Amino acid sequence: HAHRDIPAIIIGRTLLVDPSYKGARVSKIILTLHKENNEW
């Protein structure tokens, strides 16, 4: 919304990204998950 290029900010345990505006950036986030006790 604010037209900012933010590759990564951590707020608590949450990752936040902002891909700027007008298609100038595309945010790509790779998540690696592990299943333990039937929970990802």
Full PDB file with SEQRES, HELIX, SHEET, SSBOND, CRYST1, ORIGX, SCALE, CONECT and MASTER records, all heavy atoms in Angstrom:
SEQRES   1 A   40  HIS ALA HIS ARG ASP ILE PRO ALA ILE ILE ILE GLY ARG          
SEQRES   2 A   40  THR LEU LEU VAL ASP PRO SER TYR LYS GLY ALA ARG VAL          
SEQRES   3 A   40  SER LYS ILE ILE LEU THR LEU HIS LYS GLU ASN ASN GLU          
SEQRES   4 A   40  TRP                                                          
SHEET    1 AA1 2 ASP A   5  ILE A  11  0                                        
SHEET    2 AA1 2 THR A  14  PRO A  19 -1                                        
CRYST1    1.000    1.000    1.000  90.00  90.00  90.00 P 1           1          
ORIGX1      1.000000  0.000000  0.000000        0.00000                         
ORIGX2      0.000000  1.000000  0.000000        0.00000                         
ORIGX3      0.000000  0.000000  1.000000        0.00000                         
SCALE1      1.000000  0.000000  0.000000        0.00000                         
SCALE2      0.000000  1.000000  0.000000        0.00000                         
SCALE3      0.000000  0.000000  1.000000        0.00000                         
ATOM      1  N   HIS A   1       0.841  -1.196   0.000  1.00  0.00           N  
ATOM      2  CA  HIS A   1       0.000   0.000   0.000  1.00  0.00           C  
ATOM      3  C   HIS A   1       0.879   1.250   0.000  1.00  0.00           C  
ATOM      4  O   HIS A   1       0.599   2.215  -0.700  1.00  0.00           O  
ATOM      5  CB  HIS A   1      -0.939   0.047   1.206  1.00  0.00           C  
ATOM      6  CG  HIS A   1      -1.676   1.349   1.347  1.00  0.00           C  
ATOM      7  ND1 HIS A   1      -2.674   1.728   0.463  1.00  0.00           N  
ATOM      8  CD2 HIS A   1      -1.553   2.364   2.234  1.00  0.00           C  
ATOM      9  CE1 HIS A   1      -3.137   2.922   0.817  1.00  0.00           C  
ATOM     10  NE2 HIS A   1      -2.468   3.330   1.887  1.00  0.00           N  
ATOM     11  N   ALA A   2       1.934   1.216   0.793  1.00  0.00           N  
ATOM     12  CA  ALA A   2       2.775   2.399   0.994  1.00  0.00           C  
ATOM     13  C   ALA A   2       3.894   2.525  -0.033  1.00  0.00           C  
ATOM     14  O   ALA A   2       4.744   3.423   0.085  1.00  0.00           O  
ATOM     15  CB  ALA A   2       3.367   2.386   2.402  1.00  0.00           C  
ATOM     16  N   HIS A   3       3.917   1.615  -1.024  1.00  0.00           N  
ATOM     17  CA  HIS A   3       4.891   1.679  -2.122  1.00  0.00           C  
ATOM     18  C   HIS A   3       6.331   1.551  -1.623  1.00  0.00           C  
ATOM     19  O   HIS A   3       7.240   2.203  -2.135  1.00  0.00           O  
ATOM     20  CB  HIS A   3       4.735   2.985  -2.920  1.00  0.00           C  
ATOM     21  CG  HIS A   3       3.411   3.151  -3.569  1.00  0.00           C  
ATOM     22  ND1 HIS A   3       3.082   4.232  -4.356  1.00  0.00           N  
ATOM     23  CD2 HIS A   3       2.304   2.371  -3.553  1.00  0.00           C  
ATOM     24  CE1 HIS A   3       1.831   4.113  -4.789  1.00  0.00           C  
ATOM     25  NE2 HIS A   3       1.344   2.988  -4.304  1.00  0.00           N  
ATOM     26  N   ARG A   4       6.550   0.688  -0.642  1.00  0.00           N  
ATOM     27  CA  ARG A   4       7.886   0.479  -0.088  1.00  0.00           C  
ATOM     28  C   ARG A   4       8.468  -0.842  -0.571  1.00  0.00           C  
ATOM     29  O   ARG A   4       7.747  -1.823  -0.755  1.00  0.00           O  
ATOM     30  CB  ARG A   4       7.839   0.484   1.444  1.00  0.00           C  
ATOM     31  CG  ARG A   4       7.431   1.815   2.032  1.00  0.00           C  
ATOM     32  CD  ARG A   4       7.414   1.761   3.551  1.00  0.00           C  
ATOM     33  NE  ARG A   4       8.727   1.498   4.109  1.00  0.00           N  
ATOM     34  CZ  ARG A   4       8.967   1.381   5.411  1.00  0.00           C  
ATOM     35  NH1 ARG A   4       7.961   1.494   6.278  1.00  0.00           N  
ATOM     36  NH2 ARG A   4      10.190   1.140   5.853  1.00  0.00           N  
ATOM     37  N   ASP A   5       9.763  -0.850  -0.782  1.00  0.00           N  
ATOM     38  CA  ASP A   5      10.480  -2.076  -1.137  1.00  0.00           C  
ATOM     39  C   ASP A   5      11.067  -2.649   0.154  1.00  0.00           C  
ATOM     40  O   ASP A   5      12.085  -2.175   0.645  1.00  0.00           O  
ATOM     41  CB  ASP A   5      11.580  -1.741  -2.149  1.00  0.00           C  
ATOM     42  CG  ASP A   5      12.368  -2.961  -2.601  1.00  0.00           C  
ATOM     43  OD1 ASP A   5      12.071  -4.077  -2.124  1.00  0.00           O  
ATOM     44  OD2 ASP A   5      13.311  -2.801  -3.400  1.00  0.00           O  
ATOM     45  N   ILE A   6      10.394  -3.658   0.699  1.00  0.00           N  
ATOM     46  CA  ILE A   6      10.828  -4.264   1.957  1.00  0.00           C  
ATOM     47  C   ILE A   6      11.107  -5.744   1.697  1.00  0.00           C  
ATOM     48  O   ILE A   6      10.177  -6.560   1.637  1.00  0.00           O  
ATOM     49  CB  ILE A   6       9.760  -4.106   3.061  1.00  0.00           C  
ATOM     50  CG1 ILE A   6       9.420  -2.626   3.261  1.00  0.00           C  
ATOM     51  CG2 ILE A   6      10.250  -4.732   4.367  1.00  0.00           C  
ATOM     52  CD1 ILE A   6       8.300  -2.394   4.275  1.00  0.00           C  
ATOM     53  N   PRO A   7      12.372  -6.120   1.530  1.00  0.00           N  
ATOM     54  CA  PRO A   7      12.696  -7.531   1.276  1.00  0.00           C  
ATOM     55  C   PRO A   7      12.380  -8.441   2.452  1.00  0.00           C  
ATOM     56  O   PRO A   7      12.012  -9.602   2.260  1.00  0.00           O  
ATOM     57  CB  PRO A   7      14.201  -7.506   0.992  1.00  0.00           C  
ATOM     58  CG  PRO A   7      14.512  -6.086   0.643  1.00  0.00           C  
ATOM     59  CD  PRO A   7      13.555  -5.255   1.440  1.00  0.00           C  
ATOM     60  N   ALA A   8      12.522  -7.922   3.689  1.00  0.00           N  
ATOM     61  CA  ALA A   8      12.241  -8.761   4.858  1.00  0.00           C  
ATOM     62  C   ALA A   8      12.268  -7.935   6.132  1.00  0.00           C  
ATOM     63  O   ALA A   8      13.202  -7.163   6.357  1.00  0.00           O  
ATOM     64  CB  ALA A   8      13.252  -9.896   4.965  1.00  0.00           C  
ATOM     65  N   ILE A   9      11.242  -8.103   6.949  1.00  0.00           N  
ATOM     66  CA  ILE A   9      11.211  -7.598   8.323  1.00  0.00           C  
ATOM     67  C   ILE A   9      10.594  -8.703   9.175  1.00  0.00           C  
ATOM     68  O   ILE A   9       9.599  -9.311   8.773  1.00  0.00           O  
ATOM     69  CB  ILE A   9      10.376  -6.307   8.456  1.00  0.00           C  
ATOM     70  CG1 ILE A   9      11.089  -5.124   7.801  1.00  0.00           C  
ATOM     71  CG2 ILE A   9      10.108  -5.983   9.920  1.00  0.00           C  
ATOM     72  CD1 ILE A   9      10.309  -3.825   7.893  1.00  0.00           C  
ATOM     73  N   ILE A  10      11.182  -8.964  10.331  1.00  0.00           N  
ATOM     74  CA  ILE A  10      10.624  -9.946  11.253  1.00  0.00           C  
ATOM     75  C   ILE A  10       9.908  -9.196  12.373  1.00  0.00           C  
ATOM     76  O   ILE A  10      10.499  -8.345  13.048  1.00  0.00           O  
ATOM     77  CB  ILE A  10      11.711 -10.857  11.841  1.00  0.00           C  
ATOM     78  CG1 ILE A  10      12.462 -11.589  10.717  1.00  0.00           C  
ATOM     79  CG2 ILE A  10      11.094 -11.857  12.813  1.00  0.00           C  
ATOM     80  CD1 ILE A  10      11.600 -12.547   9.920  1.00  0.00           C  
ATOM     81  N   ILE A  11       8.643  -9.513  12.563  1.00  0.00           N  
ATOM     82  CA  ILE A  11       7.835  -8.929  13.635  1.00  0.00           C  
ATOM     83  C   ILE A  11       7.368 -10.090  14.499  1.00  0.00           C  
ATOM     84  O   ILE A  11       6.503 -10.871  14.096  1.00  0.00           O  
ATOM     85  CB  ILE A  11       6.641  -8.134  13.083  1.00  0.00           C  
ATOM     86  CG1 ILE A  11       7.139  -7.013  12.145  1.00  0.00           C  
ATOM     87  CG2 ILE A  11       5.801  -7.553  14.217  1.00  0.00           C  
ATOM     88  CD1 ILE A  11       6.037  -6.322  11.382  1.00  0.00           C  
ATOM     89  N   GLY A  12       7.974 -10.230  15.681  1.00  0.00           N  
ATOM     90  CA  GLY A  12       7.711 -11.417  16.484  1.00  0.00           C  
ATOM     91  C   GLY A  12       8.249 -12.630  15.762  1.00  0.00           C  
ATOM     92  O   GLY A  12       9.445 -12.731  15.507  1.00  0.00           O  
ATOM     93  N   ARG A  13       7.368 -13.554  15.391  1.00  0.00           N  
ATOM     94  CA  ARG A  13       7.755 -14.736  14.608  1.00  0.00           C  
ATOM     95  C   ARG A  13       7.315 -14.635  13.154  1.00  0.00           C  
ATOM     96  O   ARG A  13       7.512 -15.564  12.374  1.00  0.00           O  
ATOM     97  CB  ARG A  13       7.142 -16.001  15.234  1.00  0.00           C  
ATOM     98  CG  ARG A  13       5.627 -15.973  15.284  1.00  0.00           C  
ATOM     99  CD  ARG A  13       5.055 -17.279  15.799  1.00  0.00           C  
ATOM    100  NE  ARG A  13       5.221 -18.357  14.856  1.00  0.00           N  
ATOM    101  CZ  ARG A  13       4.392 -18.587  13.826  1.00  0.00           C  
ATOM    102  NH1 ARG A  13       3.360 -17.764  13.600  1.00  0.00           N  
ATOM    103  NH2 ARG A  13       4.600 -19.604  13.043  1.00  0.00           N  
ATOM    104  N   THR A  14       6.715 -13.504  12.797  1.00  0.00           N  
ATOM    105  CA  THR A  14       6.122 -13.344  11.464  1.00  0.00           C  
ATOM    106  C   THR A  14       7.076 -12.619  10.522  1.00  0.00           C  
ATOM    107  O   THR A  14       7.619 -11.560  10.864  1.00  0.00           O  
ATOM    108  CB  THR A  14       4.802 -12.560  11.547  1.00  0.00           C  
ATOM    109  OG1 THR A  14       3.936 -13.184  12.486  1.00  0.00           O  
ATOM    110  CG2 THR A  14       4.120 -12.489  10.189  1.00  0.00           C  
ATOM    111  N   LEU A  15       7.261 -13.169   9.335  1.00  0.00           N  
ATOM    112  CA  LEU A  15       8.038 -12.514   8.284  1.00  0.00           C  
ATOM    113  C   LEU A  15       7.123 -11.606   7.474  1.00  0.00           C  
ATOM    114  O   LEU A  15       6.038 -12.029   7.060  1.00  0.00           O  
ATOM    115  CB  LEU A  15       8.667 -13.558   7.364  1.00  0.00           C  
ATOM    116  CG  LEU A  15       9.319 -13.045   6.072  1.00  0.00           C  
ATOM    117  CD1 LEU A  15      10.554 -12.200   6.375  1.00  0.00           C  
ATOM    118  CD2 LEU A  15       9.667 -14.202   5.139  1.00  0.00           C  
ATOM    119  N   LEU A  16       7.545 -10.359   7.267  1.00  0.00           N  
ATOM    120  CA  LEU A  16       6.797  -9.427   6.412  1.00  0.00           C  
ATOM    121  C   LEU A  16       7.666  -8.997   5.240  1.00  0.00           C  
ATOM    122  O   LEU A  16       8.851  -8.693   5.405  1.00  0.00           O  
ATOM    123  CB  LEU A  16       6.350  -8.196   7.200  1.00  0.00           C  
ATOM    124  CG  LEU A  16       5.609  -7.121   6.376  1.00  0.00           C  
ATOM    125  CD1 LEU A  16       4.465  -6.512   7.172  1.00  0.00           C  
ATOM    126  CD2 LEU A  16       6.559  -5.998   5.893  1.00  0.00           C  
ATOM    127  N   VAL A  17       7.047  -8.977   4.049  1.00  0.00           N  
ATOM    128  CA  VAL A  17       7.701  -8.450   2.853  1.00  0.00           C  
ATOM    129  C   VAL A  17       6.756  -7.462   2.173  1.00  0.00           C  
ATOM    130  O   VAL A  17       5.543  -7.503   2.378  1.00  0.00           O  
ATOM    131  CB  VAL A  17       8.080  -9.578   1.854  1.00  0.00           C  
ATOM    132  CG1 VAL A  17       9.052 -10.555   2.481  1.00  0.00           C  
ATOM    133  CG2 VAL A  17       6.826 -10.304   1.357  1.00  0.00           C  
ATOM    134  N   ASP A  18       7.327  -6.567   1.384  1.00  0.00           N  
ATOM    135  CA  ASP A  18       6.532  -5.609   0.607  1.00  0.00           C  
ATOM    136  C   ASP A  18       7.220  -5.443  -0.741  1.00  0.00           C  
ATOM    137  O   ASP A  18       8.378  -5.009  -0.799  1.00  0.00           O  
ATOM    138  CB  ASP A  18       6.447  -4.266   1.333  1.00  0.00           C  
ATOM    139  CG  ASP A  18       5.435  -3.317   0.699  1.00  0.00           C  
ATOM    140  OD1 ASP A  18       5.301  -3.318  -0.539  1.00  0.00           O  
ATOM    141  OD2 ASP A  18       4.792  -2.552   1.437  1.00  0.00           O  
ATOM    142  N   PRO A  19       6.537  -5.780  -1.839  1.00  0.00           N  
ATOM    143  CA  PRO A  19       7.171  -5.763  -3.154  1.00  0.00           C  
ATOM    144  C   PRO A  19       7.056  -4.434  -3.911  1.00  0.00           C  
ATOM    145  O   PRO A  19       6.895  -4.418  -5.138  1.00  0.00           O  
ATOM    146  CB  PRO A  19       6.441  -6.884  -3.892  1.00  0.00           C  
ATOM    147  CG  PRO A  19       5.063  -6.838  -3.323  1.00  0.00           C  
ATOM    148  CD  PRO A  19       5.220  -6.428  -1.887  1.00  0.00           C  
ATOM    149  N   SER A  20       7.121  -3.321  -3.194  1.00  0.00           N  
ATOM    150  CA  SER A  20       7.117  -1.998  -3.826  1.00  0.00           C  
ATOM    151  C   SER A  20       5.782  -1.769  -4.542  1.00  0.00           C  
ATOM    152  O   SER A  20       4.731  -2.114  -4.010  1.00  0.00           O  
ATOM    153  CB  SER A  20       8.322  -1.845  -4.761  1.00  0.00           C  
ATOM    154  OG  SER A  20       8.476  -0.508  -5.173  1.00  0.00           O  
ATOM    155  N   TYR A  21       5.799  -1.222  -5.757  1.00  0.00           N  
ATOM    156  CA  TYR A  21       4.548  -0.890  -6.452  1.00  0.00           C  
ATOM    157  C   TYR A  21       4.753  -0.926  -7.959  1.00  0.00           C  
ATOM    158  O   TYR A  21       5.868  -0.972  -8.455  1.00  0.00           O  
ATOM    159  CB  TYR A  21       4.048   0.485  -6.021  1.00  0.00           C  
ATOM    160  CG  TYR A  21       4.902   1.664  -6.470  1.00  0.00           C  
ATOM    161  CD1 TYR A  21       4.421   2.575  -7.404  1.00  0.00           C  
ATOM    162  CD2 TYR A  21       6.177   1.869  -5.968  1.00  0.00           C  
ATOM    163  CE1 TYR A  21       5.184   3.654  -7.818  1.00  0.00           C  
ATOM    164  CE2 TYR A  21       6.955   2.934  -6.367  1.00  0.00           C  
ATOM    165  CZ  TYR A  21       6.453   3.824  -7.296  1.00  0.00           C  
ATOM    166  OH  TYR A  21       7.229   4.886  -7.715  1.00  0.00           O  
ATOM    167  N   LYS A  22       3.623  -0.931  -8.685  1.00  0.00           N  
ATOM    168  CA  LYS A  22       3.606  -0.963 -10.151  1.00  0.00           C  
ATOM    169  C   LYS A  22       4.409  -2.131 -10.720  1.00  0.00           C  
ATOM    170  O   LYS A  22       4.982  -2.035 -11.798  1.00  0.00           O  
ATOM    171  CB  LYS A  22       4.118   0.361 -10.723  1.00  0.00           C  
ATOM    172  CG  LYS A  22       3.178   1.531 -10.467  1.00  0.00           C  
ATOM    173  CD  LYS A  22       3.664   2.794 -11.171  1.00  0.00           C  
ATOM    174  CE  LYS A  22       2.681   3.947 -10.969  1.00  0.00           C  
ATOM    175  NZ  LYS A  22       3.126   5.186 -11.642  1.00  0.00           N  
ATOM    176  N   GLY A  23       4.454  -3.223  -9.990  1.00  0.00           N  
ATOM    177  CA  GLY A  23       5.148  -4.407 -10.482  1.00  0.00           C  
ATOM    178  C   GLY A  23       6.653  -4.295 -10.498  1.00  0.00           C  
ATOM    179  O   GLY A  23       7.330  -5.108 -11.140  1.00  0.00           O  
ATOM    180  N   ALA A  24       7.217  -3.322  -9.792  1.00  0.00           N  
ATOM    181  CA  ALA A  24       8.673  -3.135  -9.790  1.00  0.00           C  
ATOM    182  C   ALA A  24       9.408  -4.299  -9.135  1.00  0.00           C  
ATOM    183  O   ALA A  24      10.563  -4.590  -9.461  1.00  0.00           O  
ATOM    184  CB  ALA A  24       9.038  -1.830  -9.076  1.00  0.00           C  
ATOM    185  N   ARG A  25       8.731  -4.956  -8.195  1.00  0.00           N  
ATOM    186  CA  ARG A  25       9.319  -6.105  -7.513  1.00  0.00           C  
ATOM    187  C   ARG A  25       8.285  -7.225  -7.432  1.00  0.00           C  
ATOM    188  O   ARG A  25       7.075  -6.980  -7.417  1.00  0.00           O  
ATOM    189  CB  ARG A  25       9.750  -5.739  -6.084  1.00  0.00           C  
ATOM    190  CG  ARG A  25      10.809  -4.654  -5.991  1.00  0.00           C  
ATOM    191  CD  ARG A  25      12.175  -5.128  -6.448  1.00  0.00           C  
ATOM    192  NE  ARG A  25      13.181  -4.104  -6.223  1.00  0.00           N  
ATOM    193  CZ  ARG A  25      13.468  -3.128  -7.095  1.00  0.00           C  
ATOM    194  NH1 ARG A  25      12.788  -3.052  -8.244  1.00  0.00           N  
ATOM    195  NH2 ARG A  25      14.415  -2.256  -6.840  1.00  0.00           N  
ATOM    196  N   VAL A  26       8.778  -8.432  -7.352  1.00  0.00           N  
ATOM    197  CA  VAL A  26       7.953  -9.595  -7.041  1.00  0.00           C  
ATOM    198  C   VAL A  26       8.584 -10.247  -5.819  1.00  0.00           C  
ATOM    199  O   VAL A  26       9.780 -10.561  -5.827  1.00  0.00           O  
ATOM    200  CB  VAL A  26       7.887 -10.594  -8.209  1.00  0.00           C  
ATOM    201  CG1 VAL A  26       7.227 -11.895  -7.760  1.00  0.00           C  
ATOM    202  CG2 VAL A  26       7.125 -10.003  -9.383  1.00  0.00           C  
ATOM    203  N   SER A  27       7.798 -10.425  -4.774  1.00  0.00           N  
ATOM    204  CA  SER A  27       8.319 -11.059  -3.563  1.00  0.00           C  
ATOM    205  C   SER A  27       8.257 -12.578  -3.713  1.00  0.00           C  
ATOM    206  O   SER A  27       7.195 -13.147  -3.968  1.00  0.00           O  
ATOM    207  CB  SER A  27       7.516 -10.624  -2.336  1.00  0.00           C  
ATOM    208  OG  SER A  27       7.748  -9.261  -2.040  1.00  0.00           O  
ATOM    209  N   LYS A  28       9.411 -13.201  -3.534  1.00  0.00           N  
ATOM    210  CA  LYS A  28       9.509 -14.663  -3.564  1.00  0.00           C  
ATOM    211  C   LYS A  28       9.920 -15.125  -2.170  1.00  0.00           C  
ATOM    212  O   LYS A  28      10.914 -14.634  -1.616  1.00  0.00           O  
ATOM    213  CB  LYS A  28      10.556 -15.100  -4.589  1.00  0.00           C  
ATOM    214  CG  LYS A  28      10.825 -16.599  -4.616  1.00  0.00           C  
ATOM    215  CD  LYS A  28      11.928 -16.910  -5.632  1.00  0.00           C  
ATOM    216  CE  LYS A  28      12.285 -18.386  -5.634  1.00  0.00           C  
ATOM    217  NZ  LYS A  28      13.390 -18.690  -6.594  1.00  0.00           N  
ATOM    218  N   ILE A  29       9.148 -16.029  -1.593  1.00  0.00           N  
ATOM    219  CA  ILE A  29       9.469 -16.543  -0.266  1.00  0.00           C  
ATOM    220  C   ILE A  29       9.475 -18.064  -0.328  1.00  0.00           C  
ATOM    221  O   ILE A  29       8.473 -18.685  -0.721  1.00  0.00           O  
ATOM    222  CB  ILE A  29       8.451 -16.071   0.802  1.00  0.00           C  
ATOM    223  CG1 ILE A  29       8.349 -14.549   0.813  1.00  0.00           C  
ATOM    224  CG2 ILE A  29       8.866 -16.571   2.170  1.00  0.00           C  
ATOM    225  CD1 ILE A  29       7.179 -14.003   0.044  1.00  0.00           C  
ATOM    226  N   ILE A  30      10.590 -18.657   0.028  1.00  0.00           N  
ATOM    227  CA  ILE A  30      10.709 -20.115   0.090  1.00  0.00           C  
ATOM    228  C   ILE A  30      10.513 -20.546   1.531  1.00  0.00           C  
ATOM    229  O   ILE A  30      11.250 -20.112   2.425  1.00  0.00           O  
ATOM    230  CB  ILE A  30      12.080 -20.590  -0.432  1.00  0.00           C  
ATOM    231  CG1 ILE A  30      12.264 -20.185  -1.898  1.00  0.00           C  
ATOM    232  CG2 ILE A  30      12.210 -22.102  -0.272  1.00  0.00           C  
ATOM    233  CD1 ILE A  30      13.642 -20.484  -2.447  1.00  0.00           C  
ATOM    234  N   LEU A  31       9.498 -21.373   1.759  1.00  0.00           N  
ATOM    235  CA  LEU A  31       9.239 -21.909   3.088  1.00  0.00           C  
ATOM    236  C   LEU A  31       9.659 -23.379   3.124  1.00  0.00           C  
ATOM    237  O   LEU A  31       9.279 -24.158   2.251  1.00  0.00           O  
ATOM    238  CB  LEU A  31       7.756 -21.804   3.439  1.00  0.00           C  
ATOM    239  CG  LEU A  31       7.131 -20.399   3.451  1.00  0.00           C  
ATOM    240  CD1 LEU A  31       5.646 -20.495   3.783  1.00  0.00           C  
ATOM    241  CD2 LEU A  31       7.841 -19.482   4.423  1.00  0.00           C  
ATOM    242  N   THR A  32      10.439 -23.732   4.106  1.00  0.00           N  
ATOM    243  CA  THR A  32      10.821 -25.125   4.329  1.00  0.00           C  
ATOM    244  C   THR A  32      10.067 -25.643   5.539  1.00  0.00           C  
ATOM    245  O   THR A  32      10.142 -25.047   6.627  1.00  0.00           O  
ATOM    246  CB  THR A  32      12.335 -25.249   4.573  1.00  0.00           C  
ATOM    247  OG1 THR A  32      13.037 -24.710   3.445  1.00  0.00           O  
ATOM    248  CG2 THR A  32      12.738 -26.703   4.762  1.00  0.00           C  
ATOM    249  N   LEU A  33       9.322 -26.724   5.340  1.00  0.00           N  
ATOM    250  CA  LEU A  33       8.494 -27.270   6.418  1.00  0.00           C  
ATOM    251  C   LEU A  33       8.941 -28.671   6.797  1.00  0.00           C  
ATOM    252  O   LEU A  33       9.501 -29.409   5.974  1.00  0.00           O  
ATOM    253  CB  LEU A  33       7.022 -27.284   6.010  1.00  0.00           C  
ATOM    254  CG  LEU A  33       6.328 -25.924   5.941  1.00  0.00           C  
ATOM    255  CD1 LEU A  33       6.471 -25.309   4.565  1.00  0.00           C  
ATOM    256  CD2 LEU A  33       4.861 -26.044   6.319  1.00  0.00           C  
ATOM    257  N   HIS A  34       8.688 -29.018   8.044  1.00  0.00           N  
ATOM    258  CA  HIS A  34       9.011 -30.340   8.572  1.00  0.00           C  
ATOM    259  C   HIS A  34       7.787 -30.875   9.300  1.00  0.00           C  
ATOM    260  O   HIS A  34       7.163 -30.154  10.088  1.00  0.00           O  
ATOM    261  CB  HIS A  34      10.204 -30.250   9.529  1.00  0.00           C  
ATOM    262  CG  HIS A  34      10.501 -31.541  10.239  1.00  0.00           C  
ATOM    263  ND1 HIS A  34      11.022 -32.645   9.595  1.00  0.00           N  
ATOM    264  CD2 HIS A  34      10.336 -31.902  11.547  1.00  0.00           C  
ATOM    265  CE1 HIS A  34      11.173 -33.625  10.467  1.00  0.00           C  
ATOM    266  NE2 HIS A  34      10.764 -33.208  11.656  1.00  0.00           N  
ATOM    267  N   LYS A  35       7.454 -32.138   9.050  1.00  0.00           N  
ATOM    268  CA  LYS A  35       6.290 -32.726   9.698  1.00  0.00           C  
ATOM    269  C   LYS A  35       6.717 -33.529  10.919  1.00  0.00           C  
ATOM    270  O   LYS A  35       7.560 -34.420  10.837  1.00  0.00           O  
ATOM    271  CB  LYS A  35       5.514 -33.623   8.725  1.00  0.00           C  
ATOM    272  CG  LYS A  35       4.095 -33.947   9.183  1.00  0.00           C  
ATOM    273  CD  LYS A  35       3.312 -34.609   8.069  1.00  0.00           C  
ATOM    274  CE  LYS A  35       1.841 -34.738   8.437  1.00  0.00           C  
ATOM    275  NZ  LYS A  35       1.066 -35.361   7.323  1.00  0.00           N  
ATOM    276  N   GLU A  36       6.137 -33.156  12.043  1.00  0.00           N  
ATOM    277  CA  GLU A  36       6.463 -33.822  13.294  1.00  0.00           C  
ATOM    278  C   GLU A  36       5.191 -34.010  14.108  1.00  0.00           C  
ATOM    279  O   GLU A  36       4.408 -33.070  14.272  1.00  0.00           O  
ATOM    280  CB  GLU A  36       7.475 -32.983  14.084  1.00  0.00           C  
ATOM    281  CG  GLU A  36       8.007 -33.662  15.321  1.00  0.00           C  
ATOM    282  CD  GLU A  36       9.098 -32.844  15.996  1.00  0.00           C  
ATOM    283  OE1 GLU A  36       9.514 -31.819  15.414  1.00  0.00           O  
ATOM    284  OE2 GLU A  36       9.512 -33.230  17.087  1.00  0.00           O  
ATOM    285  N   ASN A  37       4.990 -35.236  14.606  1.00  0.00           N  
ATOM    286  CA  ASN A  37       3.765 -35.563  15.354  1.00  0.00           C  
ATOM    287  C   ASN A  37       2.513 -35.185  14.566  1.00  0.00           C  
ATOM    288  O   ASN A  37       1.558 -34.597  15.091  1.00  0.00           O  
ATOM    289  CB  ASN A  37       3.758 -34.864  16.711  1.00  0.00           C  
ATOM    290  CG  ASN A  37       4.903 -35.323  17.600  1.00  0.00           C  
ATOM    291  OD1 ASN A  37       5.277 -36.492  17.571  1.00  0.00           O  
ATOM    292  ND2 ASN A  37       5.460 -34.401  18.369  1.00  0.00           N  
ATOM    293  N   ASN A  38       2.575 -35.482  13.264  1.00  0.00           N  
ATOM    294  CA  ASN A  38       1.449 -35.245  12.351  1.00  0.00           C  
ATOM    295  C   ASN A  38       1.101 -33.762  12.195  1.00  0.00           C  
ATOM    296  O   ASN A  38      -0.025 -33.409  11.863  1.00  0.00           O  
ATOM    297  CB  ASN A  38       0.205 -36.013  12.804  1.00  0.00           C  
ATOM    298  CG  ASN A  38      -0.711 -36.358  11.648  1.00  0.00           C  
ATOM    299  OD1 ASN A  38      -0.247 -36.627  10.529  1.00  0.00           O  
ATOM    300  ND2 ASN A  38      -2.016 -36.337  11.880  1.00  0.00           N  
ATOM    301  N   GLU A  39       2.079 -32.888  12.429  1.00  0.00           N  
ATOM    302  CA  GLU A  39       1.855 -31.451  12.316  1.00  0.00           C  
ATOM    303  C   GLU A  39       3.004 -30.820  11.538  1.00  0.00           C  
ATOM    304  O   GLU A  39       4.179 -31.105  11.785  1.00  0.00           O  
ATOM    305  CB  GLU A  39       1.770 -30.821  13.712  1.00  0.00           C  
ATOM    306  CG  GLU A  39       1.445 -29.341  13.704  1.00  0.00           C  
ATOM    307  CD  GLU A  39       1.262 -28.784  15.108  1.00  0.00           C  
ATOM    308  OE1 GLU A  39       0.733 -29.513  15.977  1.00  0.00           O  
ATOM    309  OE2 GLU A  39       1.652 -27.630  15.332  1.00  0.00           O  
ATOM    310  N   TRP A  40       2.642 -29.956  10.586  1.00  0.00           N  
ATOM    311  CA  TRP A  40       3.658 -29.270   9.797  1.00  0.00           C  
ATOM    312  C   TRP A  40       4.182 -28.045  10.556  1.00  0.00           C  
ATOM    313  O   TRP A  40       3.409 -27.251  11.078  1.00  0.00           O  
ATOM    314  CB  TRP A  40       3.087 -28.811   8.459  1.00  0.00           C  
ATOM    315  CG  TRP A  40       2.843 -29.912   7.483  1.00  0.00           C  
ATOM    316  CD1 TRP A  40       1.647 -30.477   7.148  1.00  0.00           C  
ATOM    317  CD2 TRP A  40       3.831 -30.592   6.707  1.00  0.00           C  
ATOM    318  NE1 TRP A  40       1.813 -31.465   6.214  1.00  0.00           N  
ATOM    319  CE2 TRP A  40       3.157 -31.552   5.916  1.00  0.00           C  
ATOM    320  CE3 TRP A  40       5.220 -30.480   6.592  1.00  0.00           C  
ATOM    321  CZ2 TRP A  40       3.824 -32.397   5.038  1.00  0.00           C  
ATOM    322  CZ3 TRP A  40       5.894 -31.325   5.716  1.00  0.00           C  
ATOM    323  CH2 TRP A  40       5.193 -32.279   4.951  1.00  0.00           C  
TER     324      TRP A  40                                                      
MASTER        0    0    0    0    2    0    0    6  323    1    0    4          
END                                                                             
